[in-house]
C-alpha atoms as a PDB file:
ATOM      1  CA  UNK A   1     147.267  40.891-230.265  1.00  0.00           C
ATOM      2  CA  UNK A   2     145.588  38.458-232.513  1.00  0.00           C
ATOM      3  CA  UNK A   3     142.459  39.664-234.345  1.00  0.00           C
ATOM      4  CA  UNK A   4     139.880  38.068-236.531  1.00  0.00           C
ATOM      5  CA  UNK A   5     140.983  38.049-240.313  1.00  0.00           C
ATOM      6  CA  UNK A   6     139.349  40.797-242.259  1.00  0.00           C
ATOM      7  CA  UNK A   7     137.581  40.104-245.528  1.00  0.00           C
ATOM      8  CA  UNK A   8     139.927  40.823-248.558  1.00  0.00           C
ATOM      9  CA  UNK A   9     139.628  44.459-249.706  1.00  0.00           C
ATOM     10  CA  UNK A  10     139.078  45.432-253.285  1.00  0.00           C
ATOM     11  CA  UNK A  11     141.751  47.237-254.942  1.00  0.00           C
ATOM     12  CA  UNK A  12     140.203  50.685-254.916  1.00  0.00           C
ATOM     13  CA  UNK A  13     138.964  50.225-251.289  1.00  0.00           C
ATOM     14  CA  UNK A  14     142.564  49.316-250.145  1.00  0.00           C
ATOM     15  CA  UNK A  15     143.942  52.578-251.567  1.00  0.00           C
ATOM     16  CA  UNK A  16     141.366  54.621-249.726  1.00  0.00           C
ATOM     17  CA  UNK A  17     142.112  52.768-246.513  1.00  0.00           C
ATOM     18  CA  UNK A  18     145.788  53.650-246.749  1.00  0.00           C
ATOM     19  CA  UNK A  19     145.081  57.262-247.340  1.00  0.00           C
ATOM     20  CA  UNK A  20     142.700  57.419-244.297  1.00  0.00           C
ATOM     21  CA  UNK A  21     144.856  55.435-241.889  1.00  0.00           C
ATOM     22  CA  UNK A  22     148.261  56.834-242.877  1.00  0.00           C
ATOM     23  CA  UNK A  23     147.764  60.221-244.370  1.00  0.00           C
ATOM     24  CA  UNK A  24     151.071  61.582-243.129  1.00  0.00           C
ATOM     25  CA  UNK A  25     151.978  59.280-240.186  1.00  0.00           C
ATOM     26  CA  UNK A  26     154.919  59.621-237.850  1.00  0.00           C
ATOM     27  CA  UNK A  27     158.415  58.291-238.231  1.00  0.00           C
ATOM     28  CA  UNK A  28     160.381  57.974-235.007  1.00  0.00           C
ATOM     29  CA  UNK A  29     164.235  57.710-234.748  1.00  0.00           C
ATOM     30  CA  UNK A  30     165.347  56.073-231.532  1.00  0.00           C
ATOM     31  CA  UNK A  31     168.366  57.900-230.403  1.00  0.00           C
ATOM     32  CA  UNK A  32     168.648  57.331-226.707  1.00  0.00           C
ATOM     33  CA  UNK A  33     171.293  54.541-226.581  1.00  0.00           C
ATOM     34  CA  UNK A  34     174.470  54.926-224.682  1.00  0.00           C
ATOM     35  CA  UNK A  35     176.695  53.658-227.586  1.00  0.00           C
ATOM     36  CA  UNK A  36     178.805  51.558-225.189  1.00  0.00           C
ATOM     37  CA  UNK A  37     180.400  49.277-227.779  1.00  0.00           C
ATOM     38  CA  UNK A  38     181.082  52.248-230.060  1.00  0.00           C
ATOM     39  CA  UNK A  39     182.998  54.092-227.274  1.00  0.00           C
ATOM     40  CA  UNK A  40     181.504  57.459-228.313  1.00  0.00           C
ATOM     41  CA  UNK A  41     178.089  58.848-229.217  1.00  0.00           C
ATOM     42  CA  UNK A  42     177.292  57.220-232.580  1.00  0.00           C
ATOM     43  CA  UNK A  43     174.515  59.591-233.297  1.00  0.00           C
ATOM     44  CA  UNK A  44     176.943  62.451-233.641  1.00  0.00           C
ATOM     45  CA  UNK A  45     179.541  60.484-235.946  1.00  0.00           C
ATOM     46  CA  UNK A  46     180.027  62.155-239.189  1.00  0.00           C
ATOM     47  CA  UNK A  47     179.364  60.327-242.587  1.00  0.00           C
ATOM     48  CA  UNK A  48     178.845  61.884-245.948  1.00  0.00           C
ATOM     49  CA  UNK A  49     179.539  65.308-244.388  1.00  0.00           C
ATOM     50  CA  UNK A  50     176.805  65.213-241.787  1.00  0.00           C
ATOM     51  CA  UNK A  51     176.018  63.588-238.456  1.00  0.00           C
ATOM     52  CA  UNK A  52     174.584  60.077-238.633  1.00  0.00           C
ATOM     53  CA  UNK A  53     171.473  61.010-236.912  1.00  0.00           C
ATOM     54  CA  UNK A  54     170.972  63.918-239.432  1.00  0.00           C
ATOM     55  CA  UNK A  55     171.424  61.521-242.276  1.00  0.00           C
ATOM     56  CA  UNK A  56     168.594  59.233-241.033  1.00  0.00           C
ATOM     57  CA  UNK A  57     166.454  62.285-240.631  1.00  0.00           C
ATOM     58  CA  UNK A  58     167.021  63.177-244.226  1.00  0.00           C
ATOM     59  CA  UNK A  59     165.969  59.879-245.395  1.00  0.00           C
ATOM     60  CA  UNK A  60     162.793  59.919-243.419  1.00  0.00           C
ATOM     61  CA  UNK A  61     161.902  63.398-244.580  1.00  0.00           C
ATOM     62  CA  UNK A  62     161.590  61.919-248.166  1.00  0.00           C
ATOM     63  CA  UNK A  63     158.439  60.088-246.874  1.00  0.00           C
ATOM     64  CA  UNK A  64     155.001  61.612-246.136  1.00  0.00           C
ATOM     65  CA  UNK A  65     155.645  61.548-242.461  1.00  0.00           C
ATOM     66  CA  UNK A  66     156.332  63.842-239.549  1.00  0.00           C
ATOM     67  CA  UNK A  67     159.784  62.870-238.204  1.00  0.00           C
ATOM     68  CA  UNK A  68     160.400  62.953-234.367  1.00  0.00           C
ATOM     69  CA  UNK A  69     163.498  61.831-232.316  1.00  0.00           C
ATOM     70  CA  UNK A  70     163.151  59.782-229.245  1.00  0.00           C
ATOM     71  CA  UNK A  71     166.123  60.668-226.941  1.00  0.00           C
ATOM     72  CA  UNK A  72     167.736  63.313-224.759  1.00  0.00           C
ATOM     73  CA  UNK A  73     167.376  67.007-225.552  1.00  0.00           C
ATOM     74  CA  UNK A  74     170.832  67.290-226.601  1.00  0.00           C
ATOM     75  CA  UNK A  75     170.022  65.560-229.858  1.00  0.00           C
ATOM     76  CA  UNK A  76     168.507  68.883-230.998  1.00  0.00           C
ATOM     77  CA  UNK A  77     172.114  70.186-231.773  1.00  0.00           C
ATOM     78  CA  UNK A  78     172.507  67.283-234.362  1.00  0.00           C
ATOM     79  CA  UNK A  79     169.067  67.728-235.924  1.00  0.00           C
ATOM     80  CA  UNK A  80     167.834  71.220-235.723  1.00  0.00           C
ATOM     81  CA  UNK A  81     164.135  71.767-236.131  1.00  0.00           C
ATOM     82  CA  UNK A  82     163.243  68.080-235.453  1.00  0.00           C
ATOM     83  CA  UNK A  83     161.034  67.491-232.319  1.00  0.00           C
ATOM     84  CA  UNK A  84     162.812  65.816-229.532  1.00  0.00           C
ATOM     85  CA  UNK A  85     160.801  63.596-227.318  1.00  0.00           C
ATOM     86  CA  UNK A  86     162.101  62.111-224.030  1.00  0.00           C
ATOM     87  CA  UNK A  87     162.235  58.325-223.595  1.00  0.00           C
ATOM     88  CA  UNK A  88     159.557  57.582-221.224  1.00  0.00           C
ATOM     89  CA  UNK A  89     161.048  54.137-220.458  1.00  0.00           C
ATOM     90  CA  UNK A  90     164.903  54.884-220.082  1.00  0.00           C
ATOM     91  CA  UNK A  91     167.244  51.919-219.738  1.00  0.00           C
ATOM     92  CA  UNK A  92     164.638  49.596-221.265  1.00  0.00           C
ATOM     93  CA  UNK A  93     166.324  49.156-224.529  1.00  0.00           C
ATOM     94  CA  UNK A  94     164.767  49.051-227.810  1.00  0.00           C
ATOM     95  CA  UNK A  95     161.355  47.930-226.332  1.00  0.00           C
ATOM     96  CA  UNK A  96     161.210  51.116-224.170  1.00  0.00           C
ATOM     97  CA  UNK A  97     162.087  53.180-227.233  1.00  0.00           C
ATOM     98  CA  UNK A  98     159.282  51.732-229.304  1.00  0.00           C
ATOM     99  CA  UNK A  99     156.799  52.193-226.548  1.00  0.00           C
ATOM    100  CA  UNK A 100     157.944  55.881-226.084  1.00  0.00           C
ATOM    101  CA  UNK A 101     157.513  56.357-229.803  1.00  0.00           C
ATOM    102  CA  UNK A 102     153.965  54.897-229.816  1.00  0.00           C
ATOM    103  CA  UNK A 103     152.898  56.937-226.765  1.00  0.00           C
ATOM    104  CA  UNK A 104     154.204  60.169-228.148  1.00  0.00           C
ATOM    105  CA  UNK A 105     152.880  60.014-231.655  1.00  0.00           C
ATOM    106  CA  UNK A 106     149.180  60.703-232.479  1.00  0.00           C
ATOM    107  CA  UNK A 107     148.861  58.824-235.833  1.00  0.00           C
ATOM    108  CA  UNK A 108     147.545  55.308-235.859  1.00  0.00           C
ATOM    109  CA  UNK A 109     150.873  53.926-237.057  1.00  0.00           C
ATOM    110  CA  UNK A 110     154.498  54.808-236.464  1.00  0.00           C
ATOM    111  CA  UNK A 111     157.576  53.952-238.538  1.00  0.00           C
ATOM    112  CA  UNK A 112     160.422  53.210-236.161  1.00  0.00           C
ATOM    113  CA  UNK A 113     164.008  53.108-237.010  1.00  0.00           C
ATOM    114  CA  UNK A 114     167.519  53.323-235.101  1.00  0.00           C
ATOM    115  CA  UNK A 115     169.697  56.432-235.378  1.00  0.00           C
ATOM    116  CA  UNK A 116     172.707  54.132-236.327  1.00  0.00           C
ATOM    117  CA  UNK A 117     171.508  52.965-239.855  1.00  0.00           C
ATOM    118  CA  UNK A 118     173.501  54.838-242.397  1.00  0.00           C
ATOM    119  CA  UNK A 119     171.894  53.168-245.560  1.00  0.00           C
ATOM    120  CA  UNK A 120     168.243  53.306-244.984  1.00  0.00           C
ATOM    121  CA  UNK A 121     166.160  52.934-248.184  1.00  0.00           C
ATOM    122  CA  UNK A 122     163.333  55.413-248.570  1.00  0.00           C
ATOM    123  CA  UNK A 123     161.278  53.252-251.144  1.00  0.00           C
ATOM    124  CA  UNK A 124     161.405  50.280-248.753  1.00  0.00           C
ATOM    125  CA  UNK A 125     160.329  52.246-245.812  1.00  0.00           C
ATOM    126  CA  UNK A 126     157.333  53.634-247.786  1.00  0.00           C
ATOM    127  CA  UNK A 127     156.567  50.118-248.754  1.00  0.00           C
ATOM    128  CA  UNK A 128     156.290  49.083-245.066  1.00  0.00           C
ATOM    129  CA  UNK A 129     153.957  51.880-244.242  1.00  0.00           C
ATOM    130  CA  UNK A 130     151.621  50.814-247.299  1.00  0.00           C
ATOM    131  CA  UNK A 131     151.399  47.288-245.798  1.00  0.00           C
ATOM    132  CA  UNK A 132     150.456  48.197-242.255  1.00  0.00           C
ATOM    133  CA  UNK A 133     146.739  48.420-242.593  1.00  0.00           C
ATOM    134  CA  UNK A 134     145.341  45.061-241.579  1.00  0.00           C
ATOM    135  CA  UNK A 135     148.409  44.132-239.314  1.00  0.00           C
ATOM    136  CA  UNK A 136     149.699  45.161-235.875  1.00  0.00           C
ATOM    137  CA  UNK A 137     153.155  45.495-237.222  1.00  0.00           C
ATOM    138  CA  UNK A 138     155.215  45.213-240.356  1.00  0.00           C
ATOM    139  CA  UNK A 139     158.844  44.130-239.776  1.00  0.00           C
ATOM    140  CA  UNK A 140     161.726  43.382-242.071  1.00  0.00           C
ATOM    141  CA  UNK A 141     163.354  40.061-241.462  1.00  0.00           C
ATOM    142  CA  UNK A 142     166.686  38.818-242.947  1.00  0.00           C
ATOM    143  CA  UNK A 143     167.827  35.217-242.630  1.00  0.00           C
ATOM    144  CA  UNK A 144     165.367  34.636-239.722  1.00  0.00           C
ATOM    145  CA  UNK A 145     166.306  37.684-237.862  1.00  0.00           C
ATOM    146  CA  UNK A 146     163.649  40.246-237.158  1.00  0.00           C
ATOM    147  CA  UNK A 147     164.826  43.825-237.368  1.00  0.00           C
ATOM    148  CA  UNK A 148     162.447  45.449-234.986  1.00  0.00           C
ATOM    149  CA  UNK A 149     164.013  48.861-235.356  1.00  0.00           C
ATOM    150  CA  UNK A 150     163.260  48.863-239.171  1.00  0.00           C
ATOM    151  CA  UNK A 151     159.500  48.390-238.811  1.00  0.00           C
ATOM    152  CA  UNK A 152     156.084  50.048-238.533  1.00  0.00           C
ATOM    153  CA  UNK A 153     153.830  49.556-235.515  1.00  0.00           C
ATOM    154  CA  UNK A 154     150.232  50.345-234.788  1.00  0.00           C
ATOM    155  CA  UNK A 155     149.516  52.547-231.740  1.00  0.00           C
ATOM    156  CA  UNK A 156     147.071  49.930-230.612  1.00  0.00           C
ATOM    157  CA  UNK A 157     150.055  47.753-229.591  1.00  0.00           C
ATOM    158  CA  UNK A 158     150.969  50.152-226.836  1.00  0.00           C
ATOM    159  CA  UNK A 159     149.043  48.477-224.048  1.00  0.00           C
ATOM    160  CA  UNK A 160     150.746  45.201-224.917  1.00  0.00           C
ATOM    161  CA  UNK A 161     154.141  46.983-224.648  1.00  0.00           C
ATOM    162  CA  UNK A 162     153.184  48.663-221.356  1.00  0.00           C
ATOM    163  CA  UNK A 163     152.143  45.407-219.792  1.00  0.00           C
ATOM    164  CA  UNK A 164     155.342  43.601-220.920  1.00  0.00           C
ATOM    165  CA  UNK A 165     157.560  46.501-219.692  1.00  0.00           C
ATOM    166  CA  UNK A 166     155.767  46.422-216.287  1.00  0.00           C
ATOM    167  CA  UNK A 167     156.653  42.806-216.051  1.00  0.00           C
ATOM    168  CA  UNK A 168     160.288  43.529-216.634  1.00  0.00           C
ATOM    169  CA  UNK A 169     160.574  41.565-219.966  1.00  0.00           C
ATOM    170  CA  UNK A 170     162.586  43.546-222.433  1.00  0.00           C
ATOM    171  CA  UNK A 171     162.618  41.041-225.149  1.00  0.00           C
ATOM    172  CA  UNK A 172     161.320  42.583-228.346  1.00  0.00           C
ATOM    173  CA  UNK A 173     160.814  39.081-229.936  1.00  0.00           C
ATOM    174  CA  UNK A 174     158.356  38.129-227.101  1.00  0.00           C
ATOM    175  CA  UNK A 175     156.376  41.376-227.887  1.00  0.00           C
ATOM    176  CA  UNK A 176     156.196  40.468-231.611  1.00  0.00           C
ATOM    177  CA  UNK A 177     154.828  37.045-230.552  1.00  0.00           C
ATOM    178  CA  UNK A 178     151.688  38.746-229.230  1.00  0.00           C
ATOM    179  CA  UNK A 179     150.969  40.612-232.502  1.00  0.00           C
ATOM    180  CA  UNK A 180     149.697  40.031-236.041  1.00  0.00           C
ATOM    181  CA  UNK A 181     152.926  40.686-237.832  1.00  0.00           C
ATOM    182  CA  UNK A 182     153.598  41.013-241.672  1.00  0.00           C
ATOM    183  CA  UNK A 183     157.200  40.049-242.204  1.00  0.00           C
ATOM    184  CA  UNK A 184     158.983  41.667-245.255  1.00  0.00           C
ATOM    185  CA  UNK A 185     161.647  39.169-246.304  1.00  0.00           C
ATOM    186  CA  UNK A 186     163.028  37.056-249.250  1.00  0.00           C
ATOM    187  CA  UNK A 187     162.165  38.331-252.709  1.00  0.00           C
ATOM    188  CA  UNK A 188     159.638  40.805-251.227  1.00  0.00           C
ATOM    189  CA  UNK A 189     162.563  42.521-249.547  1.00  0.00           C
ATOM    190  CA  UNK A 190     165.190  42.119-252.262  1.00  0.00           C
ATOM    191  CA  UNK A 191     163.218  44.003-255.012  1.00  0.00           C
ATOM    192  CA  UNK A 192     163.835  46.969-252.860  1.00  0.00           C
ATOM    193  CA  UNK A 193     167.166  46.122-251.249  1.00  0.00           C
ATOM    194  CA  UNK A 194     168.865  43.141-252.786  1.00  0.00           C
ATOM    195  CA  UNK A 195     172.020  43.716-250.660  1.00  0.00           C
ATOM    196  CA  UNK A 196     170.096  44.074-247.320  1.00  0.00           C
ATOM    197  CA  UNK A 197     172.183  47.164-246.499  1.00  0.00           C
ATOM    198  CA  UNK A 198     169.160  49.097-245.286  1.00  0.00           C
ATOM    199  CA  UNK A 199     169.193  47.145-242.046  1.00  0.00           C
ATOM    200  CA  UNK A 200     173.022  47.587-241.558  1.00  0.00           C
ATOM    201  CA  UNK A 201     173.617  49.355-238.364  1.00  0.00           C
ATOM    202  CA  UNK A 202     176.731  50.397-236.579  1.00  0.00           C
ATOM    203  CA  UNK A 203     177.490  49.355-233.156  1.00  0.00           C
ATOM    204  CA  UNK A 204     181.298  49.041-233.034  1.00  0.00           C
ATOM    205  CA  UNK A 205     184.278  51.110-234.442  1.00  0.00           C
ATOM    206  CA  UNK A 206     184.824  48.285-236.875  1.00  0.00           C
ATOM    207  CA  UNK A 207     181.195  48.382-238.159  1.00  0.00           C
ATOM    208  CA  UNK A 208     181.635  52.232-238.375  1.00  0.00           C
ATOM    209  CA  UNK A 209     184.921  52.032-240.560  1.00  0.00           C
ATOM    210  CA  UNK A 210     183.077  49.406-242.705  1.00  0.00           C
ATOM    211  CA  UNK A 211     180.177  51.902-243.212  1.00  0.00           C
ATOM    212  CA  UNK A 212     182.684  54.608-244.259  1.00  0.00           C
ATOM    213  CA  UNK A 213     184.435  52.266-246.713  1.00  0.00           C
ATOM    214  CA  UNK A 214     181.221  51.345-248.317  1.00  0.00           C
ATOM    215  CA  UNK A 215     180.214  55.031-248.784  1.00  0.00           C
ATOM    216  CA  UNK A 216     183.705  55.977-250.008  1.00  0.00           C
ATOM    217  CA  UNK A 217     183.643  53.208-252.577  1.00  0.00           C
ATOM    218  CA  UNK A 218     180.326  54.796-253.983  1.00  0.00           C
ATOM    219  CA  UNK A 219     178.618  51.411-254.441  1.00  0.00           C
ATOM    220  CA  UNK A 220     175.576  51.409-256.723  1.00  0.00           C
ATOM    221  CA  UNK A 221     173.333  50.499-253.870  1.00  0.00           C
ATOM    222  CA  UNK A 222     174.220  53.430-251.670  1.00  0.00           C
END
């Protein structure tokens, strides 16, 4: 969704724009996956004395945002009081989850994360939301890999998503190619997260045990 470049904003003008466009905003947790590689529902795995899904909720609640969960109704048992929104594009992977989040939320931009990320970093997430005015999306990128479930998307991207889903193309990278994206990487990322743990997600029993070991070791970046 390429657009003409906007004129540079003055410092005070930018601050006002952020307030207007993202006064509270929505933060959506994608929790509709089947956890095939894990062998059990990873959203309900316990870490630090609480379900992984609830751990993610608590990080997002530190931001000025309204948190919602995209997934089945059963998720309510893991995160009481958090709105549960059905996936409008089931079995369409992360792309369908992102589209469901944008379709369900009323704010102009939506922060989207996965439910399997135990070490999310609230200051970094806040920084992403502050960057989104002027872009279609803000995405963390590490070693050339885009972490599309650690990103902020503008709702105006929804028609692009719907068209791609209708064509049967579920590749998130192809979606990003159609947008004006601000990537957060390198030193820009490392001043918030020098170890890149914020994008660590658990898909297998081995990765889950690794997460538990890191938490138990009480590393200074956790």
